[in-house]
Amino acid sequence: MTINLCLFGAGRIGQIHAANIARHRQAKLKYIVDVDPAAAARLAASIGASAGDAQAALADDDVRGVVIATSTDTHLSLIEAAASAGKAVFCEKPLDLDEAKARKCISLAEEAGIPLFVGFNRRYDPSFRRLKDDIVAGRIGKVEVVSITSRDPSPPPEDYIRRSGGMFRDMTIHDLDMARWLLAEEPSSVFASGSCLVDPKIAEAGDVDTAVVVLETAGGAFCQITNSRRCSYGYDQRIEVFGATGMLRADNETATRVEHASSAGFRREPALPFFLERYRQAYQLEMDDFIRALAGGEHRLANGEDGLRALILADAAERSRSTARAVVAN
């Protein structure tokens, strides 16, 4: 049976999801909806979908689920509309920048009896998934310290910074989700510090471009997160997990694993340039799991509660930065 889907958003992330749905044997992207009808039409034509309006797409009984890849300020209204139509939802992070609205997204889905999934694609990166599986298998004993490095190659435009919700809600939220996922225990306290070392315009916009976050669980385990909006050597994405009996580490991905040795030393290829390349496979595996979930199969998708918890930690990090003290993570 073919699973028909509707995609909201024909931008960069929407295009990734559209391509991944189009190549899936069990799924069909029936509608693409965007505030720019021309953009929706172009994307729809490229994969054999229809460019339509939200009301018609949600009224179609053949549509089983919706993928929301629009701006964050539209998520709540689209989730409400999808819930009213009885459609399963896959929503890009964050659910919302406001905790109360994020909670409303969850309650709307619960009241309508529909599944609500959140796009934390890094859980599907093969290397990071292997870390998780090895932790669960007990290969390093009890987890004691998780170290996450996440650095973008260059900062986004100033107008994006101003509407992003701040570094912790926009960028660090992925790492906060990874921290929860790998620690397998909720952080109880958060300490965060940030500064502007990259671009003074980011400071003028009221944000930071360089930050460190330390999470501690009730059991005494830690996660330290290092973020920067600039990295001269590419998209830096690394995780190390230290446990009672060993350590697991996932390094940066490169185009190939070839290393060149000469009298000048050892050289390997640079890290992949940005998230589209680094997490290309993760996006595909994540969408595969959404389609599997709609078909009634087992899945490991992040849900609305995961999205809420990551946002709560991001809010706590912002409070900690502004007060220069550790805060309770709730």
C-alpha atoms as a PDB file:
ATOM      1  CA  MET A   1       0.000   0.000   0.000  1.00  0.00           C
ATOM      2  CA  THR A   2       1.332   3.428  -0.961  1.00  0.00           C
ATOM      3  CA  ILE A   3       1.558   5.989   1.845  1.00  0.00           C
ATOM      4  CA  ASN A   4       0.607   9.426   0.556  1.00  0.00           C
ATOM      5  CA  LEU A   5       2.151  12.469   2.195  1.00  0.00           C
ATOM      6  CA  CYS A   6       1.877  16.236   2.066  1.00  0.00           C
ATOM      7  CA  LEU A   7       4.934  18.467   2.468  1.00  0.00           C
ATOM      8  CA  PHE A   8       4.669  21.971   3.870  1.00  0.00           C
ATOM      9  CA  GLY A   9       7.688  24.028   2.849  1.00  0.00           C
ATOM     10  CA  ALA A  10       9.609  24.004  -0.431  1.00  0.00           C
ATOM     11  CA  GLY A  11      12.812  25.525   0.912  1.00  0.00           C
ATOM     12  CA  ARG A  12      16.158  23.912   1.615  1.00  0.00           C
ATOM     13  CA  ILE A  13      14.987  21.310   4.145  1.00  0.00           C
ATOM     14  CA  GLY A  14      11.743  20.750   2.274  1.00  0.00           C
ATOM     15  CA  GLN A  15      13.682  19.884  -0.848  1.00  0.00           C
ATOM     16  CA  ILE A  16      15.685  17.275   1.063  1.00  0.00           C
ATOM     17  CA  HIS A  17      12.546  15.661   2.461  1.00  0.00           C
ATOM     18  CA  ALA A  18      10.808  15.774  -0.933  1.00  0.00           C
ATOM     19  CA  ALA A  19      13.677  13.924  -2.617  1.00  0.00           C
ATOM     20  CA  ASN A  20      13.813  11.306   0.141  1.00  0.00           C
ATOM     21  CA  ILE A  21      10.074  10.660  -0.019  1.00  0.00           C
ATOM     22  CA  ALA A  22      10.164  10.479  -3.810  1.00  0.00           C
ATOM     23  CA  ARG A  23      12.805   7.746  -3.808  1.00  0.00           C
ATOM     24  CA  HIS A  24      10.943   5.600  -1.252  1.00  0.00           C
ATOM     25  CA  ARG A  25       9.114   2.616  -2.737  1.00  0.00           C
ATOM     26  CA  GLN A  26       6.234   2.676  -0.265  1.00  0.00           C
ATOM     27  CA  ALA A  27       5.562   6.414  -0.242  1.00  0.00           C
ATOM     28  CA  LYS A  28       4.327   9.130  -2.570  1.00  0.00           C
ATOM     29  CA  LEU A  29       4.539  12.845  -2.051  1.00  0.00           C
ATOM     30  CA  LYS A  30       1.098  13.874  -3.257  1.00  0.00           C
ATOM     31  CA  TYR A  31       1.096  17.580  -2.361  1.00  0.00           C
ATOM     32  CA  ILE A  32       3.629  20.331  -1.772  1.00  0.00           C
ATOM     33  CA  VAL A  33       2.401  23.524  -0.106  1.00  0.00           C
ATOM     34  CA  ASP A  34       4.419  26.717   0.287  1.00  0.00           C
ATOM     35  CA  VAL A  35       3.734  30.411   0.836  1.00  0.00           C
ATOM     36  CA  ASP A  36       5.537  30.879  -2.488  1.00  0.00           C
ATOM     37  CA  PRO A  37       3.343  29.010  -5.000  1.00  0.00           C
ATOM     38  CA  ALA A  38       6.056  29.199  -7.661  1.00  0.00           C
ATOM     39  CA  ALA A  39       8.567  27.472  -5.382  1.00  0.00           C
ATOM     40  CA  ALA A  40       6.037  24.747  -4.583  1.00  0.00           C
ATOM     41  CA  ALA A  41       5.288  24.299  -8.295  1.00  0.00           C
ATOM     42  CA  ARG A  42       8.957  23.970  -9.223  1.00  0.00           C
ATOM     43  CA  LEU A  43       9.638  21.379  -6.552  1.00  0.00           C
ATOM     44  CA  ALA A  44       6.425  19.494  -7.299  1.00  0.00           C
ATOM     45  CA  ALA A  45       7.251  19.319 -11.001  1.00  0.00           C
ATOM     46  CA  SER A  46      10.692  17.908 -10.276  1.00  0.00           C
ATOM     47  CA  ILE A  47       9.321  14.876  -8.395  1.00  0.00           C
ATOM     48  CA  GLY A  48       5.849  14.360  -9.853  1.00  0.00           C
ATOM     49  CA  ALA A  49       3.800  15.864  -7.023  1.00  0.00           C
ATOM     50  CA  SER A  50       1.047  18.478  -7.103  1.00  0.00           C
ATOM     51  CA  ALA A  51       1.443  22.018  -5.847  1.00  0.00           C
ATOM     52  CA  GLY A  52      -1.661  22.681  -3.808  1.00  0.00           C
ATOM     53  CA  ASP A  53      -3.110  24.627  -0.911  1.00  0.00           C
ATOM     54  CA  ALA A  54      -3.194  23.482   2.687  1.00  0.00           C
ATOM     55  CA  GLN A  55      -6.967  23.136   2.936  1.00  0.00           C
ATOM     56  CA  ALA A  56      -7.253  20.848  -0.089  1.00  0.00           C
ATOM     57  CA  ALA A  57      -4.251  18.741   0.913  1.00  0.00           C
ATOM     58  CA  LEU A  58      -5.502  18.180   4.464  1.00  0.00           C
ATOM     59  CA  ALA A  59      -9.016  17.396   3.230  1.00  0.00           C
ATOM     60  CA  ASP A  60      -7.702  14.579   1.043  1.00  0.00           C
ATOM     61  CA  ASP A  61      -8.476  11.263   2.758  1.00  0.00           C
ATOM     62  CA  ASP A  62      -5.644   9.583   0.837  1.00  0.00           C
ATOM     63  CA  VAL A  63      -3.051  11.679   2.683  1.00  0.00           C
ATOM     64  CA  ARG A  64      -1.774   9.766   5.711  1.00  0.00           C
ATOM     65  CA  GLY A  65       0.714  12.244   7.098  1.00  0.00           C
ATOM     66  CA  VAL A  66       2.296  15.659   6.746  1.00  0.00           C
ATOM     67  CA  VAL A  67       5.900  16.786   6.837  1.00  0.00           C
ATOM     68  CA  ILE A  68       6.363  20.316   8.175  1.00  0.00           C
ATOM     69  CA  ALA A  69       9.500  22.051   6.934  1.00  0.00           C
ATOM     70  CA  THR A  70       8.341  25.648   7.177  1.00  0.00           C
ATOM     71  CA  SER A  71       9.495  28.536   9.375  1.00  0.00           C
ATOM     72  CA  THR A  72       9.178  27.887  13.099  1.00  0.00           C
ATOM     73  CA  ASP A  73       6.471  30.506  13.626  1.00  0.00           C
ATOM     74  CA  THR A  74       4.089  28.456  11.424  1.00  0.00           C
ATOM     75  CA  HIS A  75       4.557  25.099  13.172  1.00  0.00           C
ATOM     76  CA  LEU A  76       1.803  25.441  15.758  1.00  0.00           C
ATOM     77  CA  SER A  77      -0.907  26.444  13.266  1.00  0.00           C
ATOM     78  CA  LEU A  78       0.074  23.689  10.835  1.00  0.00           C
ATOM     79  CA  ILE A  79       0.154  21.045  13.583  1.00  0.00           C
ATOM     80  CA  GLU A  80      -3.274  22.233  14.724  1.00  0.00           C
ATOM     81  CA  ALA A  81      -4.625  21.974  11.174  1.00  0.00           C
ATOM     82  CA  ALA A  82      -3.082  18.528  10.668  1.00  0.00           C
ATOM     83  CA  ALA A  83      -4.438  17.329  14.013  1.00  0.00           C
ATOM     84  CA  SER A  84      -7.933  18.532  13.099  1.00  0.00           C
ATOM     85  CA  ALA A  85      -7.642  16.561   9.848  1.00  0.00           C
ATOM     86  CA  GLY A  86      -6.377  13.443  11.638  1.00  0.00           C
ATOM     87  CA  LYS A  87      -3.003  13.408   9.872  1.00  0.00           C
ATOM     88  CA  ALA A  88       0.217  12.132  11.446  1.00  0.00           C
ATOM     89  CA  VAL A  89       2.866  14.847  11.737  1.00  0.00           C
ATOM     90  CA  PHE A  90       6.599  14.966  11.231  1.00  0.00           C
ATOM     91  CA  CYS A  91       7.798  18.464  12.173  1.00  0.00           C
ATOM     92  CA  GLU A  92      11.250  19.933  11.842  1.00  0.00           C
ATOM     93  CA  LYS A  93      12.789  21.225  15.048  1.00  0.00           C
ATOM     94  CA  PRO A  94      11.906  23.155  17.078  1.00  0.00           C
ATOM     95  CA  LEU A  95       8.210  22.666  17.664  1.00  0.00           C
ATOM     96  CA  ASP A  96       8.173  26.340  18.632  1.00  0.00           C
ATOM     97  CA  LEU A  97      10.471  28.877  20.255  1.00  0.00           C
ATOM     98  CA  ASP A  98       8.004  29.280  23.129  1.00  0.00           C
ATOM     99  CA  GLU A  99       7.594  26.487  25.677  1.00  0.00           C
ATOM    100  CA  ALA A 100       3.865  27.054  26.158  1.00  0.00           C
ATOM    101  CA  LYS A 101       3.265  26.816  22.411  1.00  0.00           C
ATOM    102  CA  ALA A 102       5.418  23.687  22.186  1.00  0.00           C
ATOM    103  CA  ARG A 103       3.288  22.119  24.914  1.00  0.00           C
ATOM    104  CA  LYS A 104       0.168  23.079  22.985  1.00  0.00           C
ATOM    105  CA  CYS A 105       1.539  21.292  19.905  1.00  0.00           C
ATOM    106  CA  ILE A 106       1.840  18.130  21.980  1.00  0.00           C
ATOM    107  CA  SER A 107      -1.609  18.472  23.556  1.00  0.00           C
ATOM    108  CA  LEU A 108      -3.244  19.065  20.161  1.00  0.00           C
ATOM    109  CA  ALA A 109      -1.700  15.863  18.828  1.00  0.00           C
ATOM    110  CA  GLU A 110      -2.706  13.891  21.933  1.00  0.00           C
ATOM    111  CA  GLU A 111      -6.287  15.144  21.832  1.00  0.00           C
ATOM    112  CA  ALA A 112      -6.562  14.247  18.138  1.00  0.00           C
ATOM    113  CA  GLY A 113      -4.938  10.855  18.672  1.00  0.00           C
ATOM    114  CA  ILE A 114      -2.258  11.451  16.026  1.00  0.00           C
ATOM    115  CA  PRO A 115       1.473  10.751  16.289  1.00  0.00           C
ATOM    116  CA  LEU A 116       3.726  13.818  16.469  1.00  0.00           C
ATOM    117  CA  PHE A 117       7.380  13.358  15.560  1.00  0.00           C
ATOM    118  CA  VAL A 118      10.181  15.921  15.673  1.00  0.00           C
ATOM    119  CA  GLY A 119      13.064  16.106  13.213  1.00  0.00           C
ATOM    120  CA  PHE A 120      16.195  15.539  15.260  1.00  0.00           C
ATOM    121  CA  ASN A 121      18.026  14.016  12.325  1.00  0.00           C
ATOM    122  CA  ARG A 122      21.358  13.522  14.093  1.00  0.00           C
ATOM    123  CA  ARG A 123      19.905  10.505  15.886  1.00  0.00           C
ATOM    124  CA  TYR A 124      19.966   8.831  12.453  1.00  0.00           C
ATOM    125  CA  ASP A 125      23.571   9.558  11.581  1.00  0.00           C
ATOM    126  CA  PRO A 126      25.094   6.047  11.261  1.00  0.00           C
ATOM    127  CA  SER A 127      28.116   6.894  13.428  1.00  0.00           C
ATOM    128  CA  PHE A 128      26.056   8.503  16.177  1.00  0.00           C
ATOM    129  CA  ARG A 129      23.530   5.664  16.035  1.00  0.00           C
ATOM    130  CA  ARG A 130      26.410   3.228  16.536  1.00  0.00           C
ATOM    131  CA  LEU A 131      27.454   5.186  19.636  1.00  0.00           C
ATOM    132  CA  LYS A 132      23.956   4.855  21.032  1.00  0.00           C
ATOM    133  CA  ASP A 133      23.682   1.161  20.237  1.00  0.00           C
ATOM    134  CA  ASP A 134      27.076   0.432  21.805  1.00  0.00           C
ATOM    135  CA  ILE A 135      26.102   2.350  24.951  1.00  0.00           C
ATOM    136  CA  VAL A 136      22.874   0.361  25.236  1.00  0.00           C
ATOM    137  CA  ALA A 137      24.864  -2.853  24.705  1.00  0.00           C
ATOM    138  CA  GLY A 138      27.059  -1.944  27.692  1.00  0.00           C
ATOM    139  CA  ARG A 139      30.321  -1.767  25.753  1.00  0.00           C
ATOM    140  CA  ILE A 140      31.696   1.088  27.900  1.00  0.00           C
ATOM    141  CA  GLY A 141      29.775   0.496  31.104  1.00  0.00           C
ATOM    142  CA  LYS A 142      27.907   3.343  32.793  1.00  0.00           C
ATOM    143  CA  VAL A 143      28.190   6.603  30.869  1.00  0.00           C
ATOM    144  CA  GLU A 144      30.041   9.254  32.848  1.00  0.00           C
ATOM    145  CA  VAL A 145      30.885  12.084  30.421  1.00  0.00           C
ATOM    146  CA  VAL A 146      29.567  12.952  26.962  1.00  0.00           C
ATOM    147  CA  SER A 147      31.536  15.534  24.973  1.00  0.00           C
ATOM    148  CA  ILE A 148      29.855  17.099  21.930  1.00  0.00           C
ATOM    149  CA  THR A 149      31.604  19.432  19.488  1.00  0.00           C
ATOM    150  CA  SER A 150      29.376  21.248  16.993  1.00  0.00           C
ATOM    151  CA  ARG A 151      30.764  24.111  14.906  1.00  0.00           C
ATOM    152  CA  ASP A 152      29.271  25.645  11.778  1.00  0.00           C
ATOM    153  CA  PRO A 153      31.592  26.648   8.925  1.00  0.00           C
ATOM    154  CA  SER A 154      30.297  30.254   8.927  1.00  0.00           C
ATOM    155  CA  PRO A 155      27.540  32.274  10.587  1.00  0.00           C
ATOM    156  CA  PRO A 156      24.119  32.640   8.974  1.00  0.00           C
ATOM    157  CA  PRO A 157      22.844  36.016   7.688  1.00  0.00           C
ATOM    158  CA  GLU A 158      22.067  38.693  10.248  1.00  0.00           C
ATOM    159  CA  ASP A 159      18.320  38.592   9.544  1.00  0.00           C
ATOM    160  CA  TYR A 160      18.311  34.860  10.309  1.00  0.00           C
ATOM    161  CA  ILE A 161      20.115  35.467  13.609  1.00  0.00           C
ATOM    162  CA  ARG A 162      17.456  37.994  14.639  1.00  0.00           C
ATOM    163  CA  ARG A 163      14.561  35.572  14.094  1.00  0.00           C
ATOM    164  CA  SER A 164      16.301  32.322  15.103  1.00  0.00           C
ATOM    165  CA  GLY A 165      15.445  32.453  18.791  1.00  0.00           C
ATOM    166  CA  GLY A 166      19.124  32.590  19.737  1.00  0.00           C
ATOM    167  CA  MET A 167      22.008  30.181  19.441  1.00  0.00           C
ATOM    168  CA  PHE A 168      20.791  27.767  22.100  1.00  0.00           C
ATOM    169  CA  ARG A 169      17.290  27.357  20.618  1.00  0.00           C
ATOM    170  CA  ASP A 170      18.475  27.309  17.011  1.00  0.00           C
ATOM    171  CA  MET A 171      21.834  25.517  16.941  1.00  0.00           C
ATOM    172  CA  THR A 172      22.570  23.990  20.351  1.00  0.00           C
ATOM    173  CA  ILE A 173      19.113  22.388  20.526  1.00  0.00           C
ATOM    174  CA  HIS A 174      20.391  19.565  18.283  1.00  0.00           C
ATOM    175  CA  ASP A 175      23.258  18.922  20.713  1.00  0.00           C
ATOM    176  CA  LEU A 176      20.935  19.105  23.706  1.00  0.00           C
ATOM    177  CA  ASP A 177      18.796  16.404  22.136  1.00  0.00           C
ATOM    178  CA  MET A 178      21.906  14.301  21.507  1.00  0.00           C
ATOM    179  CA  ALA A 179      22.943  14.795  25.129  1.00  0.00           C
ATOM    180  CA  ARG A 180      19.599  13.482  26.414  1.00  0.00           C
ATOM    181  CA  TRP A 181      19.689  10.605  23.935  1.00  0.00           C
ATOM    182  CA  LEU A 182      23.193   9.461  24.834  1.00  0.00           C
ATOM    183  CA  LEU A 183      23.060  10.088  28.584  1.00  0.00           C
ATOM    184  CA  ALA A 184      19.743   8.202  28.800  1.00  0.00           C
ATOM    185  CA  GLU A 185      19.068  10.295  31.906  1.00  0.00           C
ATOM    186  CA  GLU A 186      17.486  13.722  32.099  1.00  0.00           C
ATOM    187  CA  PRO A 187      19.888  16.583  32.915  1.00  0.00           C
ATOM    188  CA  SER A 188      18.994  18.206  36.221  1.00  0.00           C
ATOM    189  CA  SER A 189      21.145  21.328  35.945  1.00  0.00           C
ATOM    190  CA  VAL A 190      22.559  23.489  33.159  1.00  0.00           C
ATOM    191  CA  PHE A 191      25.441  25.936  33.095  1.00  0.00           C
ATOM    192  CA  ALA A 192      26.094  27.916  29.931  1.00  0.00           C
ATOM    193  CA  SER A 193      28.413  30.703  28.920  1.00  0.00           C
ATOM    194  CA  GLY A 194      28.671  32.473  25.583  1.00  0.00           C
ATOM    195  CA  SER A 195      30.378  35.365  23.860  1.00  0.00           C
ATOM    196  CA  CYS A 196      30.831  36.983  20.454  1.00  0.00           C
ATOM    197  CA  LEU A 197      34.199  36.158  18.928  1.00  0.00           C
ATOM    198  CA  VAL A 198      33.134  35.807  15.302  1.00  0.00           C
ATOM    199  CA  ASP A 199      30.938  38.732  14.254  1.00  0.00           C
ATOM    200  CA  PRO A 200      29.999  41.847  16.291  1.00  0.00           C
ATOM    201  CA  LYS A 201      26.718  42.063  14.354  1.00  0.00           C
ATOM    202  CA  ILE A 202      25.609  38.890  16.130  1.00  0.00           C
ATOM    203  CA  ALA A 203      26.121  40.662  19.458  1.00  0.00           C
ATOM    204  CA  GLU A 204      24.153  43.651  18.139  1.00  0.00           C
ATOM    205  CA  ALA A 205      21.332  41.223  17.359  1.00  0.00           C
ATOM    206  CA  GLY A 206      21.377  40.131  21.011  1.00  0.00           C
ATOM    207  CA  ASP A 207      22.948  36.723  20.456  1.00  0.00           C
ATOM    208  CA  VAL A 208      26.271  34.915  20.883  1.00  0.00           C
ATOM    209  CA  ASP A 209      28.355  33.010  18.347  1.00  0.00           C
ATOM    210  CA  THR A 210      30.589  30.999  20.668  1.00  0.00           C
ATOM    211  CA  ALA A 211      29.280  28.984  23.600  1.00  0.00           C
ATOM    212  CA  VAL A 212      29.957  26.211  26.072  1.00  0.00           C
ATOM    213  CA  VAL A 213      27.190  24.313  27.869  1.00  0.00           C
ATOM    214  CA  VAL A 214      27.623  21.864  30.741  1.00  0.00           C
ATOM    215  CA  LEU A 215      24.768  19.550  31.719  1.00  0.00           C
ATOM    216  CA  GLU A 216      24.698  17.423  34.872  1.00  0.00           C
ATOM    217  CA  THR A 217      22.295  14.611  35.674  1.00  0.00           C
ATOM    218  CA  ALA A 218      20.971  13.656  39.089  1.00  0.00           C
ATOM    219  CA  GLY A 219      23.243  10.618  38.936  1.00  0.00           C
ATOM    220  CA  GLY A 220      26.351  12.786  38.483  1.00  0.00           C
ATOM    221  CA  ALA A 221      27.010  12.196  34.768  1.00  0.00           C
ATOM    222  CA  PHE A 222      28.025  15.166  32.630  1.00  0.00           C
ATOM    223  CA  CYS A 223      27.707  16.403  29.077  1.00  0.00           C
ATOM    224  CA  GLN A 224      29.833  19.249  27.782  1.00  0.00           C
ATOM    225  CA  ILE A 225      28.853  20.963  24.537  1.00  0.00           C
ATOM    226  CA  THR A 226      31.104  23.290  22.539  1.00  0.00           C
ATOM    227  CA  ASN A 227      29.533  25.463  19.846  1.00  0.00           C
ATOM    228  CA  SER A 228      30.810  28.033  17.366  1.00  0.00           C
ATOM    229  CA  ARG A 229      29.245  29.795  14.399  1.00  0.00           C
ATOM    230  CA  ARG A 230      32.582  29.680  12.551  1.00  0.00           C
ATOM    231  CA  CYS A 231      35.003  26.881  11.759  1.00  0.00           C
ATOM    232  CA  SER A 232      37.852  27.377   9.291  1.00  0.00           C
ATOM    233  CA  TYR A 233      38.206  23.676   8.489  1.00  0.00           C
ATOM    234  CA  GLY A 234      34.587  22.800   7.668  1.00  0.00           C
ATOM    235  CA  TYR A 235      31.551  21.512   9.536  1.00  0.00           C
ATOM    236  CA  ASP A 236      32.933  20.151  12.792  1.00  0.00           C
ATOM    237  CA  GLN A 237      30.694  17.412  14.227  1.00  0.00           C
ATOM    238  CA  ARG A 238      32.269  15.097  16.792  1.00  0.00           C
ATOM    239  CA  ILE A 239      31.077  13.160  19.820  1.00  0.00           C
ATOM    240  CA  GLU A 240      33.007  11.304  22.517  1.00  0.00           C
ATOM    241  CA  VAL A 241      31.346   9.209  25.210  1.00  0.00           C
ATOM    242  CA  PHE A 242      33.445   8.211  28.217  1.00  0.00           C
ATOM    243  CA  GLY A 243      32.229   5.363  30.408  1.00  0.00           C
ATOM    244  CA  ALA A 244      33.277   3.283  33.377  1.00  0.00           C
ATOM    245  CA  THR A 245      34.991   0.636  31.219  1.00  0.00           C
ATOM    246  CA  GLY A 246      35.905   2.445  28.013  1.00  0.00           C
ATOM    247  CA  MET A 247      35.302   5.216  25.515  1.00  0.00           C
ATOM    248  CA  LEU A 248      33.427   5.615  22.227  1.00  0.00           C
ATOM    249  CA  ARG A 249      34.215   8.304  19.679  1.00  0.00           C
ATOM    250  CA  ALA A 250      32.696   9.449  16.380  1.00  0.00           C
ATOM    251  CA  ASP A 251      34.890  11.794  14.359  1.00  0.00           C
ATOM    252  CA  ASN A 252      34.117  14.086  11.433  1.00  0.00           C
ATOM    253  CA  GLU A 253      32.939  12.597   8.165  1.00  0.00           C
ATOM    254  CA  THR A 254      35.035  13.178   5.044  1.00  0.00           C
ATOM    255  CA  ALA A 255      34.315  12.580   1.362  1.00  0.00           C
ATOM    256  CA  THR A 256      36.406   9.387   1.492  1.00  0.00           C
ATOM    257  CA  ARG A 257      38.496   7.576   4.087  1.00  0.00           C
ATOM    258  CA  VAL A 258      41.697   7.815   2.020  1.00  0.00           C
ATOM    259  CA  GLU A 259      44.728   9.106   3.911  1.00  0.00           C
ATOM    260  CA  HIS A 260      47.953  10.227   2.214  1.00  0.00           C
ATOM    261  CA  ALA A 261      51.316   9.664   3.877  1.00  0.00           C
ATOM    262  CA  SER A 262      54.531  11.312   2.738  1.00  0.00           C
ATOM    263  CA  SER A 263      57.713  12.770   4.181  1.00  0.00           C
ATOM    264  CA  ALA A 264      55.618  15.791   5.128  1.00  0.00           C
ATOM    265  CA  GLY A 265      53.383  13.634   7.333  1.00  0.00           C
ATOM    266  CA  PHE A 266      49.894  12.207   7.149  1.00  0.00           C
ATOM    267  CA  ARG A 267      47.072  14.026   5.387  1.00  0.00           C
ATOM    268  CA  ARG A 268      43.391  13.251   4.973  1.00  0.00           C
ATOM    269  CA  GLU A 269      40.489  15.027   3.357  1.00  0.00           C
ATOM    270  CA  PRO A 270      38.732  17.926   5.118  1.00  0.00           C
ATOM    271  CA  ALA A 271      35.470  17.594   7.012  1.00  0.00           C
ATOM    272  CA  LEU A 272      32.361  17.807   4.868  1.00  0.00           C
ATOM    273  CA  PRO A 273      31.359  21.444   4.241  1.00  0.00           C
ATOM    274  CA  PHE A 274      27.963  21.703   5.971  1.00  0.00           C
ATOM    275  CA  PHE A 275      24.914  19.878   7.303  1.00  0.00           C
ATOM    276  CA  LEU A 276      23.373  19.084   3.905  1.00  0.00           C
ATOM    277  CA  GLU A 277      26.397  16.954   3.054  1.00  0.00           C
ATOM    278  CA  ARG A 278      27.244  15.740   6.570  1.00  0.00           C
ATOM    279  CA  TYR A 279      23.744  14.541   7.402  1.00  0.00           C
ATOM    280  CA  ARG A 280      22.469  13.589   3.959  1.00  0.00           C
ATOM    281  CA  GLN A 281      22.124   9.911   4.911  1.00  0.00           C
ATOM    282  CA  ALA A 282      20.664  10.773   8.310  1.00  0.00           C
ATOM    283  CA  TYR A 283      17.843  12.755   6.688  1.00  0.00           C
ATOM    284  CA  GLN A 284      17.045   9.827   4.417  1.00  0.00           C
ATOM    285  CA  LEU A 285      17.045   7.262   7.237  1.00  0.00           C
ATOM    286  CA  GLU A 286      14.884   9.544   9.381  1.00  0.00           C
ATOM    287  CA  MET A 287      12.258   9.921   6.657  1.00  0.00           C
ATOM    288  CA  ASP A 288      12.378   6.168   6.030  1.00  0.00           C
ATOM    289  CA  ASP A 289      11.527   5.687   9.709  1.00  0.00           C
ATOM    290  CA  PHE A 290       8.601   8.121   9.507  1.00  0.00           C
ATOM    291  CA  ILE A 291       7.169   6.167   6.587  1.00  0.00           C
ATOM    292  CA  ARG A 292       7.785   2.915   8.485  1.00  0.00           C
ATOM    293  CA  ALA A 293       5.928   4.349  11.486  1.00  0.00           C
ATOM    294  CA  LEU A 294       2.923   5.228   9.316  1.00  0.00           C
ATOM    295  CA  ALA A 295       2.952   1.667   7.982  1.00  0.00           C
ATOM    296  CA  GLY A 296       2.722   0.364  11.544  1.00  0.00           C
ATOM    297  CA  GLY A 297       6.337  -0.717  11.858  1.00  0.00           C
ATOM    298  CA  GLU A 298       8.846  -0.184  14.640  1.00  0.00           C
ATOM    299  CA  HIS A 299      10.689   3.129  14.652  1.00  0.00           C
ATOM    300  CA  ARG A 300      12.996   5.265  16.785  1.00  0.00           C
ATOM    301  CA  LEU A 301      11.788   8.740  15.890  1.00  0.00           C
ATOM    302  CA  ALA A 302      12.015  11.607  18.358  1.00  0.00           C
ATOM    303  CA  ASN A 303       8.548  12.598  19.547  1.00  0.00           C
ATOM    304  CA  GLY A 304       6.896  15.779  20.734  1.00  0.00           C
ATOM    305  CA  GLU A 305       8.098  15.263  24.298  1.00  0.00           C
ATOM    306  CA  ASP A 306      11.689  15.010  23.038  1.00  0.00           C
ATOM    307  CA  GLY A 307      11.208  18.292  21.219  1.00  0.00           C
ATOM    308  CA  LEU A 308       9.819  19.925  24.358  1.00  0.00           C
ATOM    309  CA  ARG A 309      12.613  18.652  26.605  1.00  0.00           C
ATOM    310  CA  ALA A 310      15.307  19.936  24.243  1.00  0.00           C
ATOM    311  CA  LEU A 311      13.618  23.347  24.150  1.00  0.00           C
ATOM    312  CA  ILE A 312      13.411  23.440  27.945  1.00  0.00           C
ATOM    313  CA  LEU A 313      17.161  22.774  28.120  1.00  0.00           C
ATOM    314  CA  ALA A 314      17.817  25.494  25.527  1.00  0.00           C
ATOM    315  CA  ASP A 315      15.767  27.956  27.587  1.00  0.00           C
ATOM    316  CA  ALA A 316      17.690  26.920  30.696  1.00  0.00           C
ATOM    317  CA  ALA A 317      20.988  27.475  28.876  1.00  0.00           C
ATOM    318  CA  GLU A 318      19.896  31.000  27.925  1.00  0.00           C
ATOM    319  CA  ARG A 319      18.899  31.758  31.538  1.00  0.00           C
ATOM    320  CA  SER A 320      22.230  30.432  32.742  1.00  0.00           C
ATOM    321  CA  ARG A 321      24.170  32.542  30.265  1.00  0.00           C
ATOM    322  CA  SER A 322      22.305  35.689  31.218  1.00  0.00           C
ATOM    323  CA  THR A 323      22.709  35.125  34.982  1.00  0.00           C
ATOM    324  CA  ALA A 324      26.201  33.569  34.919  1.00  0.00           C
ATOM    325  CA  ARG A 325      25.110  30.726  37.185  1.00  0.00           C
ATOM    326  CA  ALA A 326      23.874  27.145  36.903  1.00  0.00           C
ATOM    327  CA  VAL A 327      20.107  26.756  36.703  1.00  0.00           C
ATOM    328  CA  VAL A 328      17.694  23.898  37.282  1.00  0.00           C
ATOM    329  CA  ALA A 329      16.743  22.183  34.038  1.00  0.00           C
ATOM    330  CA  ASN A 330      12.940  22.207  34.184  1.00  0.00           C
END
